[in-house]
Amino acid sequence: MRQTISFITLGVTDLARSRAFYLALGWRESSASQEAVAFFQAGSVAFALFQREALAEDAAVSPVGSGFPGFALAHNVDSEAAVIATLEEAVAVGATLVRPADKVFWGGFRGYFADPDGFLWEVCFNPLIPLDGEGLVKLP
């Protein structure tokens, strides 16, 4: 298997609400989107929103589940001030602030919000792994 991720698809409870949330964050929806799925280009990865029950059916698993899903999405920015501004922006359009921005023991700065379905987003400034000219993470 090649070391790559092509899509991240979130199974959401209310597709219209989730679509509106990400649009309110300033994300631009792809023309490939359809009524049943919303697509967004996120750097080199495609990000998709799909009805939770339909995604579970497609994978042949139960849609029932709650609590911590065992992962968080991350959005890296170029400064501590940008972490705070991004968290405020997300909360202003309907996110729940889960952890206010603060310094991390290793030298970074981060905070967390949850989208309308409770998916965790870390907003992080990592001075050890700077962003490239396009704002993308490039690991050493």
N, C-alpha and C. Protein backbone atom coordinates (compact mmCIF):
# COMPACT_ATOMS: atom_id res chain seq x y z
N MET A 1 0.85 -1.19 0.00
CA MET A 1 0.00 0.00 0.00
C MET A 1 0.89 1.24 0.00
N ARG A 2 0.56 2.19 -0.87
CA ARG A 2 1.30 3.45 -0.89
C ARG A 2 0.97 4.28 0.34
N GLN A 3 1.94 5.02 0.83
CA GLN A 3 1.77 5.87 2.01
C GLN A 3 1.13 7.18 1.60
N THR A 4 -0.20 7.13 1.45
CA THR A 4 -0.95 8.31 1.03
C THR A 4 -2.38 8.23 1.55
N ILE A 5 -2.98 9.37 1.75
CA ILE A 5 -4.40 9.46 2.08
C ILE A 5 -5.04 10.30 0.99
N SER A 6 -6.06 9.75 0.34
CA SER A 6 -6.71 10.45 -0.76
C SER A 6 -7.93 11.23 -0.30
N PHE A 7 -8.76 10.60 0.55
CA PHE A 7 -9.99 11.21 1.03
C PHE A 7 -10.10 11.05 2.54
N ILE A 8 -10.71 12.01 3.17
CA ILE A 8 -11.21 11.88 4.54
C ILE A 8 -12.70 12.14 4.43
N THR A 9 -13.51 11.16 4.80
CA THR A 9 -14.96 11.29 4.72
C THR A 9 -15.55 11.20 6.11
N LEU A 10 -16.30 12.22 6.49
CA LEU A 10 -16.99 12.21 7.78
C LEU A 10 -18.43 11.79 7.56
N GLY A 11 -18.88 10.84 8.37
CA GLY A 11 -20.28 10.44 8.37
C GLY A 11 -21.04 11.37 9.31
N VAL A 12 -21.86 12.23 8.77
CA VAL A 12 -22.53 13.28 9.55
C VAL A 12 -24.02 12.99 9.71
N THR A 13 -24.60 13.50 10.79
CA THR A 13 -26.01 13.24 11.05
C THR A 13 -26.95 14.12 10.23
N ASP A 14 -26.50 15.31 9.89
CA ASP A 14 -27.33 16.25 9.12
C ASP A 14 -26.43 16.88 8.06
N LEU A 15 -26.50 16.37 6.85
CA LEU A 15 -25.60 16.81 5.78
C LEU A 15 -25.77 18.30 5.49
N ALA A 16 -26.98 18.80 5.46
CA ALA A 16 -27.20 20.22 5.16
C ALA A 16 -26.56 21.10 6.24
N ARG A 17 -26.73 20.73 7.49
CA ARG A 17 -26.13 21.51 8.59
C ARG A 17 -24.61 21.49 8.51
N SER A 18 -24.03 20.31 8.26
CA SER A 18 -22.57 20.20 8.18
C SER A 18 -22.02 20.94 6.97
N ARG A 19 -22.71 20.84 5.86
CA ARG A 19 -22.30 21.57 4.64
C ARG A 19 -22.29 23.07 4.95
N ALA A 20 -23.34 23.57 5.58
CA ALA A 20 -23.44 24.99 5.91
C ALA A 20 -22.32 25.41 6.87
N PHE A 21 -21.99 24.55 7.83
CA PHE A 21 -20.93 24.86 8.79
C PHE A 21 -19.60 25.05 8.08
N TYR A 22 -19.20 24.11 7.23
CA TYR A 22 -17.91 24.21 6.56
C TYR A 22 -17.89 25.37 5.55
N LEU A 23 -19.00 25.64 4.91
CA LEU A 23 -19.08 26.81 4.03
C LEU A 23 -18.93 28.09 4.85
N ALA A 24 -19.53 28.13 6.03
CA ALA A 24 -19.42 29.31 6.89
C ALA A 24 -17.99 29.52 7.38
N LEU A 25 -17.21 28.44 7.45
CA LEU A 25 -15.79 28.57 7.80
C LEU A 25 -14.97 29.14 6.65
N GLY A 26 -15.61 29.29 5.50
CA GLY A 26 -14.91 29.84 4.35
C GLY A 26 -14.40 28.79 3.38
N TRP A 27 -14.74 27.53 3.60
CA TRP A 27 -14.32 26.47 2.68
C TRP A 27 -15.14 26.58 1.40
N ARG A 28 -14.52 26.24 0.29
CA ARG A 28 -15.20 26.27 -1.00
C ARG A 28 -15.54 24.84 -1.42
N GLU A 29 -16.79 24.64 -1.72
CA GLU A 29 -17.27 23.31 -2.12
C GLU A 29 -16.90 23.04 -3.58
N SER A 30 -16.51 21.81 -3.85
CA SER A 30 -16.13 21.41 -5.20
C SER A 30 -17.37 21.24 -6.09
N SER A 31 -17.19 21.47 -7.37
CA SER A 31 -18.28 21.23 -8.32
C SER A 31 -18.60 19.75 -8.45
N ALA A 32 -17.75 18.89 -7.91
CA ALA A 32 -18.01 17.45 -7.91
C ALA A 32 -19.06 17.06 -6.86
N SER A 33 -19.41 17.99 -5.97
CA SER A 33 -20.41 17.71 -4.94
C SER A 33 -21.75 17.38 -5.57
N GLN A 34 -22.54 16.61 -4.83
CA GLN A 34 -23.88 16.26 -5.24
C GLN A 34 -24.81 16.47 -4.06
N GLU A 35 -26.09 16.22 -4.25
CA GLU A 35 -27.04 16.40 -3.15
C GLU A 35 -26.66 15.52 -1.96
N ALA A 36 -26.18 14.32 -2.20
CA ALA A 36 -25.91 13.36 -1.13
C ALA A 36 -24.49 13.41 -0.59
N VAL A 37 -23.62 14.22 -1.17
CA VAL A 37 -22.23 14.28 -0.70
C VAL A 37 -21.65 15.65 -1.01
N ALA A 38 -20.90 16.18 -0.05
CA ALA A 38 -20.21 17.45 -0.25
C ALA A 38 -18.71 17.18 -0.29
N PHE A 39 -18.04 17.72 -1.32
CA PHE A 39 -16.60 17.55 -1.47
C PHE A 39 -15.90 18.90 -1.33
N PHE A 40 -14.75 18.89 -0.65
CA PHE A 40 -13.93 20.08 -0.48
C PHE A 40 -12.47 19.68 -0.73
N GLN A 41 -11.74 20.48 -1.48
CA GLN A 41 -10.30 20.24 -1.64
C GLN A 41 -9.62 20.75 -0.39
N ALA A 42 -8.81 19.94 0.25
CA ALA A 42 -8.11 20.32 1.48
C ALA A 42 -6.63 20.01 1.29
N GLY A 43 -5.93 20.92 0.65
CA GLY A 43 -4.53 20.65 0.31
C GLY A 43 -4.48 19.54 -0.71
N SER A 44 -3.70 18.52 -0.43
CA SER A 44 -3.60 17.40 -1.37
C SER A 44 -4.62 16.30 -1.06
N VAL A 45 -5.48 16.53 -0.09
CA VAL A 45 -6.47 15.54 0.33
C VAL A 45 -7.87 16.06 0.00
N ALA A 46 -8.74 15.16 -0.42
CA ALA A 46 -10.15 15.50 -0.61
C ALA A 46 -10.88 15.23 0.70
N PHE A 47 -11.70 16.17 1.11
CA PHE A 47 -12.48 16.08 2.34
C PHE A 47 -13.94 15.96 1.94
N ALA A 48 -14.65 14.99 2.49
CA ALA A 48 -16.03 14.76 2.09
C ALA A 48 -16.95 14.66 3.30
N LEU A 49 -18.21 15.07 3.10
CA LEU A 49 -19.27 14.93 4.09
C LEU A 49 -20.34 14.04 3.47
N PHE A 50 -20.75 13.01 4.23
CA PHE A 50 -21.70 12.03 3.73
C PHE A 50 -22.63 11.67 4.88
N GLN A 51 -23.90 11.39 4.62
CA GLN A 51 -24.82 10.99 5.68
C GLN A 51 -24.26 9.80 6.44
N ARG A 52 -24.28 9.88 7.77
CA ARG A 52 -23.69 8.83 8.62
C ARG A 52 -24.25 7.44 8.31
N GLU A 53 -25.57 7.33 8.22
CA GLU A 53 -26.19 6.02 7.98
C GLU A 53 -25.77 5.46 6.62
N ALA A 54 -25.72 6.32 5.61
CA ALA A 54 -25.34 5.87 4.27
C ALA A 54 -23.88 5.44 4.22
N LEU A 55 -23.01 6.17 4.94
CA LEU A 55 -21.60 5.78 4.97
C LEU A 55 -21.42 4.45 5.69
N ALA A 56 -22.15 4.26 6.80
CA ALA A 56 -22.08 2.99 7.52
C ALA A 56 -22.59 1.84 6.65
N GLU A 57 -23.68 2.08 5.94
CA GLU A 57 -24.22 1.05 5.04
C GLU A 57 -23.21 0.70 3.95
N ASP A 58 -22.56 1.72 3.40
CA ASP A 58 -21.57 1.49 2.35
C ASP A 58 -20.41 0.63 2.86
N ALA A 59 -20.03 0.82 4.11
CA ALA A 59 -18.93 0.05 4.70
C ALA A 59 -19.40 -1.26 5.33
N ALA A 60 -20.70 -1.48 5.34
CA ALA A 60 -21.31 -2.68 5.93
C ALA A 60 -21.02 -2.79 7.43
N VAL A 61 -21.17 -1.63 8.14
CA VAL A 61 -21.01 -1.60 9.59
C VAL A 61 -22.20 -0.89 10.20
N SER A 62 -22.34 -1.00 11.51
CA SER A 62 -23.44 -0.34 12.22
C SER A 62 -23.17 1.16 12.32
N PRO A 63 -24.20 2.00 12.12
CA PRO A 63 -24.03 3.44 12.28
C PRO A 63 -24.06 3.89 13.74
N VAL A 64 -24.36 2.97 14.66
CA VAL A 64 -24.49 3.31 16.07
C VAL A 64 -23.10 3.47 16.68
N GLY A 65 -22.93 4.51 17.41
CA GLY A 65 -21.65 4.77 18.08
C GLY A 65 -21.67 6.15 18.68
N SER A 66 -20.95 6.32 19.76
CA SER A 66 -20.90 7.63 20.40
C SER A 66 -19.60 7.75 21.16
N GLY A 67 -19.36 8.93 21.67
CA GLY A 67 -18.15 9.16 22.43
C GLY A 67 -16.97 9.52 21.55
N PHE A 68 -15.79 9.42 22.12
CA PHE A 68 -14.56 9.77 21.41
C PHE A 68 -14.33 8.80 20.27
N PRO A 69 -14.21 9.32 19.02
CA PRO A 69 -14.04 8.42 17.88
C PRO A 69 -12.63 7.88 17.71
N GLY A 70 -11.68 8.32 18.55
CA GLY A 70 -10.33 7.79 18.46
C GLY A 70 -9.43 8.52 17.49
N PHE A 71 -9.86 9.67 16.97
CA PHE A 71 -9.02 10.47 16.08
C PHE A 71 -9.44 11.93 16.15
N ALA A 72 -8.55 12.77 15.68
CA ALA A 72 -8.87 14.20 15.53
C ALA A 72 -8.28 14.67 14.21
N LEU A 73 -8.98 15.56 13.57
CA LEU A 73 -8.46 16.21 12.37
C LEU A 73 -7.62 17.39 12.85
N ALA A 74 -6.64 17.80 12.07
CA ALA A 74 -5.80 18.91 12.49
C ALA A 74 -5.68 19.95 11.40
N HIS A 75 -5.64 21.19 11.82
CA HIS A 75 -5.46 22.33 10.92
C HIS A 75 -4.30 23.13 11.48
N ASN A 76 -3.14 23.06 10.81
CA ASN A 76 -1.97 23.80 11.27
C ASN A 76 -1.96 25.20 10.68
N VAL A 77 -1.55 26.15 11.50
CA VAL A 77 -1.48 27.56 11.10
C VAL A 77 -0.08 28.08 11.41
N ASP A 78 0.19 29.33 11.02
CA ASP A 78 1.56 29.84 11.09
C ASP A 78 1.89 30.68 12.32
N SER A 79 0.99 30.76 13.30
CA SER A 79 1.29 31.55 14.50
C SER A 79 0.31 31.21 15.62
N GLU A 80 0.69 31.60 16.83
CA GLU A 80 -0.20 31.44 17.97
C GLU A 80 -1.45 32.28 17.79
N ALA A 81 -1.29 33.49 17.28
CA ALA A 81 -2.44 34.37 17.05
C ALA A 81 -3.41 33.73 16.06
N ALA A 82 -2.90 33.03 15.06
CA ALA A 82 -3.77 32.37 14.08
C ALA A 82 -4.53 31.21 14.70
N VAL A 83 -3.94 30.55 15.70
CA VAL A 83 -4.67 29.49 16.41
C VAL A 83 -5.90 30.09 17.09
N ILE A 84 -5.69 31.16 17.83
CA ILE A 84 -6.78 31.81 18.55
C ILE A 84 -7.84 32.31 17.57
N ALA A 85 -7.43 32.96 16.51
CA ALA A 85 -8.38 33.50 15.52
C ALA A 85 -9.18 32.39 14.85
N THR A 86 -8.53 31.28 14.53
CA THR A 86 -9.23 30.17 13.88
C THR A 86 -10.24 29.53 14.82
N LEU A 87 -9.88 29.36 16.08
CA LEU A 87 -10.83 28.81 17.06
C LEU A 87 -12.03 29.74 17.20
N GLU A 88 -11.79 31.04 17.29
CA GLU A 88 -12.88 32.00 17.41
C GLU A 88 -13.78 31.97 16.19
N GLU A 89 -13.18 31.86 15.01
CA GLU A 89 -13.95 31.80 13.76
C GLU A 89 -14.85 30.57 13.74
N ALA A 90 -14.31 29.43 14.16
CA ALA A 90 -15.10 28.19 14.16
C ALA A 90 -16.26 28.29 15.15
N VAL A 91 -16.00 28.79 16.33
CA VAL A 91 -17.06 28.94 17.34
C VAL A 91 -18.13 29.90 16.85
N ALA A 92 -17.74 30.95 16.16
CA ALA A 92 -18.69 31.95 15.66
C ALA A 92 -19.67 31.36 14.65
N VAL A 93 -19.28 30.27 13.98
CA VAL A 93 -20.18 29.68 12.98
C VAL A 93 -20.78 28.36 13.45
N GLY A 94 -20.68 28.05 14.75
CA GLY A 94 -21.40 26.90 15.29
C GLY A 94 -20.58 25.80 15.90
N ALA A 95 -19.26 25.92 15.91
CA ALA A 95 -18.44 24.90 16.56
C ALA A 95 -18.54 25.04 18.07
N THR A 96 -18.16 23.98 18.77
CA THR A 96 -18.08 24.00 20.22
C THR A 96 -16.61 24.03 20.61
N LEU A 97 -16.22 24.99 21.41
CA LEU A 97 -14.84 25.04 21.89
C LEU A 97 -14.65 23.91 22.89
N VAL A 98 -13.74 23.00 22.61
CA VAL A 98 -13.49 21.85 23.46
C VAL A 98 -12.31 22.12 24.40
N ARG A 99 -11.27 22.73 23.86
CA ARG A 99 -10.10 23.09 24.66
C ARG A 99 -9.59 24.43 24.16
N PRO A 100 -9.57 25.44 25.03
CA PRO A 100 -9.05 26.74 24.62
C PRO A 100 -7.57 26.62 24.23
N ALA A 101 -7.11 27.55 23.42
CA ALA A 101 -5.71 27.55 22.98
C ALA A 101 -4.78 27.72 24.17
N ASP A 102 -3.71 26.92 24.16
CA ASP A 102 -2.68 27.04 25.18
C ASP A 102 -1.38 26.45 24.68
N LYS A 103 -0.31 26.75 25.40
CA LYS A 103 1.01 26.24 25.03
C LYS A 103 1.09 24.75 25.35
N VAL A 104 1.86 24.05 24.51
CA VAL A 104 2.10 22.62 24.69
C VAL A 104 3.53 22.45 25.19
N PHE A 105 3.77 21.43 26.00
CA PHE A 105 5.08 21.22 26.62
C PHE A 105 6.23 21.15 25.62
N TRP A 106 5.97 20.74 24.39
CA TRP A 106 7.04 20.58 23.40
C TRP A 106 7.31 21.87 22.62
N GLY A 107 6.59 22.95 22.94
CA GLY A 107 6.86 24.23 22.31
C GLY A 107 5.79 24.73 21.36
N GLY A 108 4.80 23.92 21.09
CA GLY A 108 3.72 24.33 20.20
C GLY A 108 2.62 25.06 20.94
N PHE A 109 1.56 25.36 20.21
CA PHE A 109 0.41 26.09 20.74
C PHE A 109 -0.81 25.53 20.05
N ARG A 110 -1.82 25.10 20.83
CA ARG A 110 -2.98 24.47 20.20
C ARG A 110 -4.24 24.62 21.02
N GLY A 111 -5.37 24.37 20.32
CA GLY A 111 -6.68 24.32 20.95
C GLY A 111 -7.54 23.39 20.11
N TYR A 112 -8.70 23.02 20.63
CA TYR A 112 -9.59 22.09 19.93
C TYR A 112 -11.00 22.64 19.86
N PHE A 113 -11.66 22.37 18.72
CA PHE A 113 -13.09 22.60 18.62
C PHE A 113 -13.75 21.35 18.07
N ALA A 114 -15.05 21.24 18.28
CA ALA A 114 -15.83 20.14 17.72
C ALA A 114 -16.81 20.72 16.72
N ASP A 115 -16.92 20.05 15.56
CA ASP A 115 -17.88 20.50 14.54
C ASP A 115 -19.28 20.10 14.99
N PRO A 116 -20.33 20.41 14.21
CA PRO A 116 -21.69 20.11 14.67
C PRO A 116 -21.97 18.63 14.97
N ASP A 117 -21.17 17.71 14.41
CA ASP A 117 -21.33 16.29 14.72
C ASP A 117 -20.39 15.79 15.80
N GLY A 118 -19.62 16.69 16.39
CA GLY A 118 -18.72 16.32 17.46
C GLY A 118 -17.34 15.86 16.99
N PHE A 119 -17.05 15.96 15.69
CA PHE A 119 -15.73 15.59 15.21
C PHE A 119 -14.73 16.63 15.71
N LEU A 120 -13.64 16.15 16.30
CA LEU A 120 -12.64 17.02 16.88
C LEU A 120 -11.69 17.58 15.83
N TRP A 121 -11.43 18.86 15.93
CA TRP A 121 -10.44 19.55 15.11
C TRP A 121 -9.42 20.18 16.04
N GLU A 122 -8.16 19.84 15.86
CA GLU A 122 -7.08 20.52 16.56
C GLU A 122 -6.61 21.66 15.67
N VAL A 123 -6.48 22.84 16.24
CA VAL A 123 -5.88 23.97 15.53
C VAL A 123 -4.53 24.19 16.20
N CYS A 124 -3.45 24.10 15.40
CA CYS A 124 -2.12 24.02 15.99
C CYS A 124 -1.10 24.89 15.27
N PHE A 125 -0.24 25.51 16.07
CA PHE A 125 0.98 26.14 15.56
C PHE A 125 2.12 25.27 16.05
N ASN A 126 2.90 24.73 15.10
CA ASN A 126 4.02 23.85 15.44
C ASN A 126 5.30 24.49 14.89
N PRO A 127 6.10 25.13 15.75
CA PRO A 127 7.31 25.79 15.26
C PRO A 127 8.38 24.79 14.80
N LEU A 128 8.21 23.51 15.14
CA LEU A 128 9.19 22.50 14.75
C LEU A 128 8.96 21.95 13.35
N ILE A 129 7.74 22.10 12.84
CA ILE A 129 7.41 21.65 11.49
C ILE A 129 6.70 22.81 10.80
N PRO A 130 7.47 23.73 10.22
CA PRO A 130 6.86 24.91 9.59
C PRO A 130 6.06 24.56 8.35
N LEU A 131 5.15 25.44 8.01
CA LEU A 131 4.34 25.29 6.81
C LEU A 131 5.14 25.77 5.60
N ASP A 132 4.85 25.20 4.42
CA ASP A 132 5.50 25.65 3.21
C ASP A 132 4.82 26.91 2.69
N GLY A 133 5.23 27.40 1.53
CA GLY A 133 4.70 28.62 0.95
C GLY A 133 3.22 28.58 0.65
N GLU A 134 2.65 27.38 0.55
CA GLU A 134 1.21 27.22 0.29
C GLU A 134 0.43 26.94 1.56
N GLY A 135 1.10 26.98 2.71
CA GLY A 135 0.43 26.72 3.98
C GLY A 135 0.25 25.24 4.28
N LEU A 136 1.03 24.38 3.62
CA LEU A 136 0.89 22.93 3.81
C LEU A 136 2.04 22.40 4.68
N VAL A 137 1.74 21.37 5.44
CA VAL A 137 2.76 20.70 6.24
C VAL A 137 3.62 19.85 5.33
N LYS A 138 4.92 19.97 5.48
CA LYS A 138 5.87 19.12 4.76
C LYS A 138 6.78 18.50 5.81
N LEU A 139 6.58 17.24 6.10
CA LEU A 139 7.39 16.57 7.12
C LEU A 139 8.82 16.39 6.63
N PRO A 140 9.79 16.49 7.57
CA PRO A 140 11.19 16.29 7.19
C PRO A 140 11.45 14.82 6.83
